[in-house]
């Protein structure tokens, strides 16, 4: 007689692969990211736990991937929030890594959570790769590169035009060239 319960334990990673939610290469990337996120967490929380929990949330539908978002980036974001949850629980509810005491005019003090403005290593690497890709696309168009640099510095269109000595028509033409190239390469974001 056959047993009524399957004795095999199917892990979320195996389920995600079977359902084609992730490829083997994406799973390898996620394992590396999980190892990075698990650094410094309590010893009872390993990188496998972070990855399994993140994939479980995707499989069960408690976290749904938006259209146009890479699955690796999406699951990495889930692992990042899981890491933050672990830190909050370990520190008694308040994330003290980014907190500071503030004194009100009345003299009482209370703890205020401040967000670290520095990007995490994953975001910094991703941004550097995107900038390099954009610079590669427009390597021969110095006007467009100047506009991209000006936008990166937070300059307005008028400030960019004046600093580069461009007429309004030249500026608008360069922006159209930039937009067409980005559309052709599929590098636009949904509004």
C-alpha atoms as a PDB file:
ATOM      1  CA  UNK A   1       0.000   0.000   0.000  1.00  0.00           C
ATOM      2  CA  UNK A   2       1.309   3.416  -0.957  1.00  0.00           C
ATOM      3  CA  UNK A   3       1.776   6.060   1.747  1.00  0.00           C
ATOM      4  CA  UNK A   4      -0.741   8.904   1.726  1.00  0.00           C
ATOM      5  CA  UNK A   5       1.890  11.580   2.339  1.00  0.00           C
ATOM      6  CA  UNK A   6       4.830  12.240   0.059  1.00  0.00           C
ATOM      7  CA  UNK A   7       7.976  11.794   2.188  1.00  0.00           C
ATOM      8  CA  UNK A   8      10.004  14.190   0.028  1.00  0.00           C
ATOM      9  CA  UNK A   9      10.406  17.745   1.204  1.00  0.00           C
ATOM     10  CA  UNK A  10      10.226  20.167  -1.677  1.00  0.00           C
ATOM     11  CA  UNK A  11      12.048  23.409  -0.950  1.00  0.00           C
ATOM     12  CA  UNK A  12      10.862  26.763  -2.320  1.00  0.00           C
ATOM     13  CA  UNK A  13      13.947  27.010  -4.559  1.00  0.00           C
ATOM     14  CA  UNK A  14      13.081  23.693  -6.196  1.00  0.00           C
ATOM     15  CA  UNK A  15       9.466  24.801  -6.571  1.00  0.00           C
ATOM     16  CA  UNK A  16      10.524  28.128  -8.121  1.00  0.00           C
ATOM     17  CA  UNK A  17      12.715  26.288 -10.630  1.00  0.00           C
ATOM     18  CA  UNK A  18       9.946  23.792 -11.423  1.00  0.00           C
ATOM     19  CA  UNK A  19       7.421  26.590 -11.964  1.00  0.00           C
ATOM     20  CA  UNK A  20       9.949  28.455 -14.152  1.00  0.00           C
ATOM     21  CA  UNK A  21       9.744  31.494 -11.872  1.00  0.00           C
ATOM     22  CA  UNK A  22      13.547  31.677 -11.943  1.00  0.00           C
ATOM     23  CA  UNK A  23      16.214  30.167 -14.157  1.00  0.00           C
ATOM     24  CA  UNK A  24      19.253  28.356 -12.797  1.00  0.00           C
ATOM     25  CA  UNK A  25      21.426  31.407 -13.530  1.00  0.00           C
ATOM     26  CA  UNK A  26      18.999  33.724 -11.720  1.00  0.00           C
ATOM     27  CA  UNK A  27      18.992  31.318  -8.776  1.00  0.00           C
ATOM     28  CA  UNK A  28      22.801  31.476  -8.614  1.00  0.00           C
ATOM     29  CA  UNK A  29      22.646  35.277  -8.587  1.00  0.00           C
ATOM     30  CA  UNK A  30      20.030  35.175  -5.836  1.00  0.00           C
ATOM     31  CA  UNK A  31      22.189  32.853  -3.744  1.00  0.00           C
ATOM     32  CA  UNK A  32      25.067  35.329  -3.973  1.00  0.00           C
ATOM     33  CA  UNK A  33      22.817  38.235  -3.021  1.00  0.00           C
ATOM     34  CA  UNK A  34      21.373  36.207  -0.136  1.00  0.00           C
ATOM     35  CA  UNK A  35      24.887  35.608   1.200  1.00  0.00           C
ATOM     36  CA  UNK A  36      25.536  39.364   1.132  1.00  0.00           C
ATOM     37  CA  UNK A  37      22.258  40.177   2.909  1.00  0.00           C
ATOM     38  CA  UNK A  38      22.842  37.512   5.574  1.00  0.00           C
ATOM     39  CA  UNK A  39      26.129  39.018   6.735  1.00  0.00           C
ATOM     40  CA  UNK A  40      25.829  40.337  10.261  1.00  0.00           C
ATOM     41  CA  UNK A  41      22.451  38.753  10.931  1.00  0.00           C
ATOM     42  CA  UNK A  42      21.966  36.633  14.045  1.00  0.00           C
ATOM     43  CA  UNK A  43      23.533  33.169  13.776  1.00  0.00           C
ATOM     44  CA  UNK A  44      20.136  31.470  13.669  1.00  0.00           C
ATOM     45  CA  UNK A  45      19.348  33.214  10.351  1.00  0.00           C
ATOM     46  CA  UNK A  46      21.383  31.920   7.419  1.00  0.00           C
ATOM     47  CA  UNK A  47      21.482  32.998   3.813  1.00  0.00           C
ATOM     48  CA  UNK A  48      19.470  29.918   2.836  1.00  0.00           C
ATOM     49  CA  UNK A  49      16.717  31.034   5.207  1.00  0.00           C
ATOM     50  CA  UNK A  50      16.555  34.475   3.586  1.00  0.00           C
ATOM     51  CA  UNK A  51      16.396  33.015   0.090  1.00  0.00           C
ATOM     52  CA  UNK A  52      13.827  30.352   0.998  1.00  0.00           C
ATOM     53  CA  UNK A  53      11.581  32.867   2.776  1.00  0.00           C
ATOM     54  CA  UNK A  54      11.773  35.341  -0.119  1.00  0.00           C
ATOM     55  CA  UNK A  55      10.889  32.655  -2.671  1.00  0.00           C
ATOM     56  CA  UNK A  56       8.112  31.354  -0.418  1.00  0.00           C
ATOM     57  CA  UNK A  57       6.545  34.815  -0.412  1.00  0.00           C
ATOM     58  CA  UNK A  58       6.682  34.937  -4.214  1.00  0.00           C
ATOM     59  CA  UNK A  59       5.259  31.423  -4.618  1.00  0.00           C
ATOM     60  CA  UNK A  60       2.415  31.965  -2.128  1.00  0.00           C
ATOM     61  CA  UNK A  61       1.532  35.294  -3.716  1.00  0.00           C
ATOM     62  CA  UNK A  62       2.055  37.429  -0.619  1.00  0.00           C
ATOM     63  CA  UNK A  63       4.567  39.424  -2.708  1.00  0.00           C
ATOM     64  CA  UNK A  64       3.683  39.974  -6.359  1.00  0.00           C
ATOM     65  CA  UNK A  65       6.266  40.977  -8.941  1.00  0.00           C
ATOM     66  CA  UNK A  66       5.296  44.132 -10.849  1.00  0.00           C
ATOM     67  CA  UNK A  67       5.441  43.996 -14.639  1.00  0.00           C
ATOM     68  CA  UNK A  68       8.770  45.027 -16.085  1.00  0.00           C
ATOM     69  CA  UNK A  69      10.765  44.312 -12.915  1.00  0.00           C
ATOM     70  CA  UNK A  70      13.612  41.823 -13.131  1.00  0.00           C
ATOM     71  CA  UNK A  71      12.951  38.767 -10.946  1.00  0.00           C
ATOM     72  CA  UNK A  72      16.451  38.936  -9.420  1.00  0.00           C
ATOM     73  CA  UNK A  73      15.988  42.566  -8.381  1.00  0.00           C
ATOM     74  CA  UNK A  74      12.503  41.813  -7.049  1.00  0.00           C
ATOM     75  CA  UNK A  75      13.560  38.836  -4.908  1.00  0.00           C
ATOM     76  CA  UNK A  76      16.667  40.742  -3.759  1.00  0.00           C
ATOM     77  CA  UNK A  77      14.348  43.507  -2.544  1.00  0.00           C
ATOM     78  CA  UNK A  78      12.315  40.975  -0.591  1.00  0.00           C
ATOM     79  CA  UNK A  79      15.496  39.629   1.018  1.00  0.00           C
ATOM     80  CA  UNK A  80      16.541  43.185   1.889  1.00  0.00           C
ATOM     81  CA  UNK A  81      13.227  43.796   3.651  1.00  0.00           C
ATOM     82  CA  UNK A  82      13.530  40.440   5.458  1.00  0.00           C
ATOM     83  CA  UNK A  83      16.978  41.488   6.670  1.00  0.00           C
ATOM     84  CA  UNK A  84      15.504  44.752   7.958  1.00  0.00           C
ATOM     85  CA  UNK A  85      12.732  42.839   9.742  1.00  0.00           C
ATOM     86  CA  UNK A  86      15.318  40.641  11.464  1.00  0.00           C
ATOM     87  CA  UNK A  87      17.289  43.711  12.577  1.00  0.00           C
ATOM     88  CA  UNK A  88      14.132  45.400  13.901  1.00  0.00           C
ATOM     89  CA  UNK A  89      13.170  42.309  15.886  1.00  0.00           C
ATOM     90  CA  UNK A  90      16.697  41.797  17.206  1.00  0.00           C
ATOM     91  CA  UNK A  91      16.860  45.391  18.430  1.00  0.00           C
ATOM     92  CA  UNK A  92      13.499  45.519  20.099  1.00  0.00           C
ATOM     93  CA  UNK A  93      11.329  47.030  17.392  1.00  0.00           C
ATOM     94  CA  UNK A  94      13.345  50.120  16.486  1.00  0.00           C
ATOM     95  CA  UNK A  95      16.114  49.967  13.921  1.00  0.00           C
ATOM     96  CA  UNK A  96      18.844  51.641  15.987  1.00  0.00           C
ATOM     97  CA  UNK A  97      21.425  51.536  13.183  1.00  0.00           C
ATOM     98  CA  UNK A  98      19.801  54.591  11.646  1.00  0.00           C
ATOM     99  CA  UNK A  99      18.294  56.236  14.707  1.00  0.00           C
ATOM    100  CA  UNK A 100      19.212  59.332  16.629  1.00  0.00           C
ATOM    101  CA  UNK A 101      17.963  61.117  19.707  1.00  0.00           C
ATOM    102  CA  UNK A 102      16.179  64.413  19.151  1.00  0.00           C
ATOM    103  CA  UNK A 103      15.378  66.996  21.807  1.00  0.00           C
ATOM    104  CA  UNK A 104      12.070  68.829  21.489  1.00  0.00           C
ATOM    105  CA  UNK A 105      11.795  72.489  22.591  1.00  0.00           C
ATOM    106  CA  UNK A 106       9.915  71.272  25.671  1.00  0.00           C
ATOM    107  CA  UNK A 107      13.067  69.407  26.764  1.00  0.00           C
ATOM    108  CA  UNK A 108      11.878  65.824  26.326  1.00  0.00           C
ATOM    109  CA  UNK A 109      13.923  63.516  24.137  1.00  0.00           C
ATOM    110  CA  UNK A 110      12.686  60.815  21.859  1.00  0.00           C
ATOM    111  CA  UNK A 111      14.238  58.499  19.358  1.00  0.00           C
ATOM    112  CA  UNK A 112      13.838  59.366  15.693  1.00  0.00           C
ATOM    113  CA  UNK A 113      14.732  56.919  12.920  1.00  0.00           C
ATOM    114  CA  UNK A 114      16.975  58.454  10.260  1.00  0.00           C
ATOM    115  CA  UNK A 115      17.494  56.771   6.933  1.00  0.00           C
ATOM    116  CA  UNK A 116      21.033  56.279   5.726  1.00  0.00           C
ATOM    117  CA  UNK A 117      21.405  58.319   2.532  1.00  0.00           C
ATOM    118  CA  UNK A 118      24.250  56.167   1.214  1.00  0.00           C
ATOM    119  CA  UNK A 119      23.122  53.489  -1.242  1.00  0.00           C
ATOM    120  CA  UNK A 120      23.713  49.878  -0.351  1.00  0.00           C
ATOM    121  CA  UNK A 121      26.382  48.043  -2.396  1.00  0.00           C
ATOM    122  CA  UNK A 122      23.814  46.357  -4.631  1.00  0.00           C
ATOM    123  CA  UNK A 123      22.193  49.675  -5.621  1.00  0.00           C
ATOM    124  CA  UNK A 124      25.563  51.359  -6.149  1.00  0.00           C
ATOM    125  CA  UNK A 125      26.720  48.542  -8.455  1.00  0.00           C
ATOM    126  CA  UNK A 126      23.458  48.574 -10.385  1.00  0.00           C
ATOM    127  CA  UNK A 127      23.616  52.363 -10.837  1.00  0.00           C
ATOM    128  CA  UNK A 128      27.243  52.201 -12.010  1.00  0.00           C
ATOM    129  CA  UNK A 129      26.346  49.526 -14.569  1.00  0.00           C
ATOM    130  CA  UNK A 130      23.398  51.570 -15.859  1.00  0.00           C
ATOM    131  CA  UNK A 131      25.517  54.719 -16.181  1.00  0.00           C
ATOM    132  CA  UNK A 132      28.208  52.793 -18.051  1.00  0.00           C
ATOM    133  CA  UNK A 133      25.573  51.370 -20.431  1.00  0.00           C
ATOM    134  CA  UNK A 134      24.136  54.838 -21.110  1.00  0.00           C
ATOM    135  CA  UNK A 135      27.604  56.304 -21.687  1.00  0.00           C
ATOM    136  CA  UNK A 136      28.302  53.449 -24.112  1.00  0.00           C
ATOM    137  CA  UNK A 137      25.110  54.163 -26.047  1.00  0.00           C
ATOM    138  CA  UNK A 138      25.921  57.846 -26.486  1.00  0.00           C
ATOM    139  CA  UNK A 139      29.733  57.662 -26.732  1.00  0.00           C
ATOM    140  CA  UNK A 140      29.717  59.386 -30.144  1.00  0.00           C
ATOM    141  CA  UNK A 141      27.138  62.056 -29.252  1.00  0.00           C
ATOM    142  CA  UNK A 142      28.897  64.576 -27.009  1.00  0.00           C
ATOM    143  CA  UNK A 143      25.828  66.834 -26.815  1.00  0.00           C
ATOM    144  CA  UNK A 144      23.684  64.024 -25.406  1.00  0.00           C
ATOM    145  CA  UNK A 145      26.453  63.032 -22.970  1.00  0.00           C
ATOM    146  CA  UNK A 146      26.601  66.663 -21.798  1.00  0.00           C
ATOM    147  CA  UNK A 147      22.839  66.666 -21.243  1.00  0.00           C
ATOM    148  CA  UNK A 148      23.009  63.372 -19.329  1.00  0.00           C
ATOM    149  CA  UNK A 149      25.817  64.763 -17.160  1.00  0.00           C
ATOM    150  CA  UNK A 150      23.831  67.942 -16.509  1.00  0.00           C
ATOM    151  CA  UNK A 151      20.731  65.947 -15.573  1.00  0.00           C
ATOM    152  CA  UNK A 152      22.880  63.842 -13.239  1.00  0.00           C
ATOM    153  CA  UNK A 153      24.044  67.020 -11.500  1.00  0.00           C
ATOM    154  CA  UNK A 154      20.422  68.099 -11.047  1.00  0.00           C
ATOM    155  CA  UNK A 155      20.577  71.010 -13.495  1.00  0.00           C
ATOM    156  CA  UNK A 156      17.442  72.295 -15.192  1.00  0.00           C
ATOM    157  CA  UNK A 157      17.045  72.252 -18.978  1.00  0.00           C
ATOM    158  CA  UNK A 158      17.767  75.993 -19.150  1.00  0.00           C
ATOM    159  CA  UNK A 159      20.942  75.630 -17.056  1.00  0.00           C
ATOM    160  CA  UNK A 160      22.152  72.779 -19.270  1.00  0.00           C
ATOM    161  CA  UNK A 161      21.468  74.787 -22.435  1.00  0.00           C
ATOM    162  CA  UNK A 162      23.342  77.827 -21.136  1.00  0.00           C
ATOM    163  CA  UNK A 163      26.319  75.828 -19.829  1.00  0.00           C
ATOM    164  CA  UNK A 164      26.680  73.956 -23.135  1.00  0.00           C
ATOM    165  CA  UNK A 165      25.889  76.937 -25.380  1.00  0.00           C
ATOM    166  CA  UNK A 166      22.948  75.196 -27.068  1.00  0.00           C
ATOM    167  CA  UNK A 167      19.903  76.783 -28.636  1.00  0.00           C
ATOM    168  CA  UNK A 168      16.482  75.547 -27.598  1.00  0.00           C
ATOM    169  CA  UNK A 169      16.181  73.695 -30.925  1.00  0.00           C
ATOM    170  CA  UNK A 170      19.567  71.981 -30.518  1.00  0.00           C
ATOM    171  CA  UNK A 171      18.688  70.936 -26.969  1.00  0.00           C
ATOM    172  CA  UNK A 172      15.272  69.560 -28.002  1.00  0.00           C
ATOM    173  CA  UNK A 173      16.801  67.692 -30.961  1.00  0.00           C
ATOM    174  CA  UNK A 174      19.388  66.055 -28.700  1.00  0.00           C
ATOM    175  CA  UNK A 175      16.669  65.037 -26.219  1.00  0.00           C
ATOM    176  CA  UNK A 176      14.672  63.445 -29.064  1.00  0.00           C
ATOM    177  CA  UNK A 177      17.772  61.531 -30.239  1.00  0.00           C
ATOM    178  CA  UNK A 178      18.292  60.370 -26.665  1.00  0.00           C
ATOM    179  CA  UNK A 179      14.658  59.264 -26.308  1.00  0.00           C
ATOM    180  CA  UNK A 180      14.670  57.377 -29.650  1.00  0.00           C
ATOM    181  CA  UNK A 181      17.883  55.555 -28.750  1.00  0.00           C
ATOM    182  CA  UNK A 182      16.576  54.565 -25.310  1.00  0.00           C
ATOM    183  CA  UNK A 183      13.300  53.335 -26.825  1.00  0.00           C
ATOM    184  CA  UNK A 184      15.210  51.344 -29.451  1.00  0.00           C
ATOM    185  CA  UNK A 185      17.323  49.724 -26.707  1.00  0.00           C
ATOM    186  CA  UNK A 186      14.297  49.104 -24.453  1.00  0.00           C
ATOM    187  CA  UNK A 187      15.754  51.196 -21.619  1.00  0.00           C
ATOM    188  CA  UNK A 188      12.741  53.310 -20.745  1.00  0.00           C
ATOM    189  CA  UNK A 189      10.748  52.962 -17.558  1.00  0.00           C
ATOM    190  CA  UNK A 190       6.970  52.830 -17.359  1.00  0.00           C
ATOM    191  CA  UNK A 191       5.332  55.994 -16.075  1.00  0.00           C
END
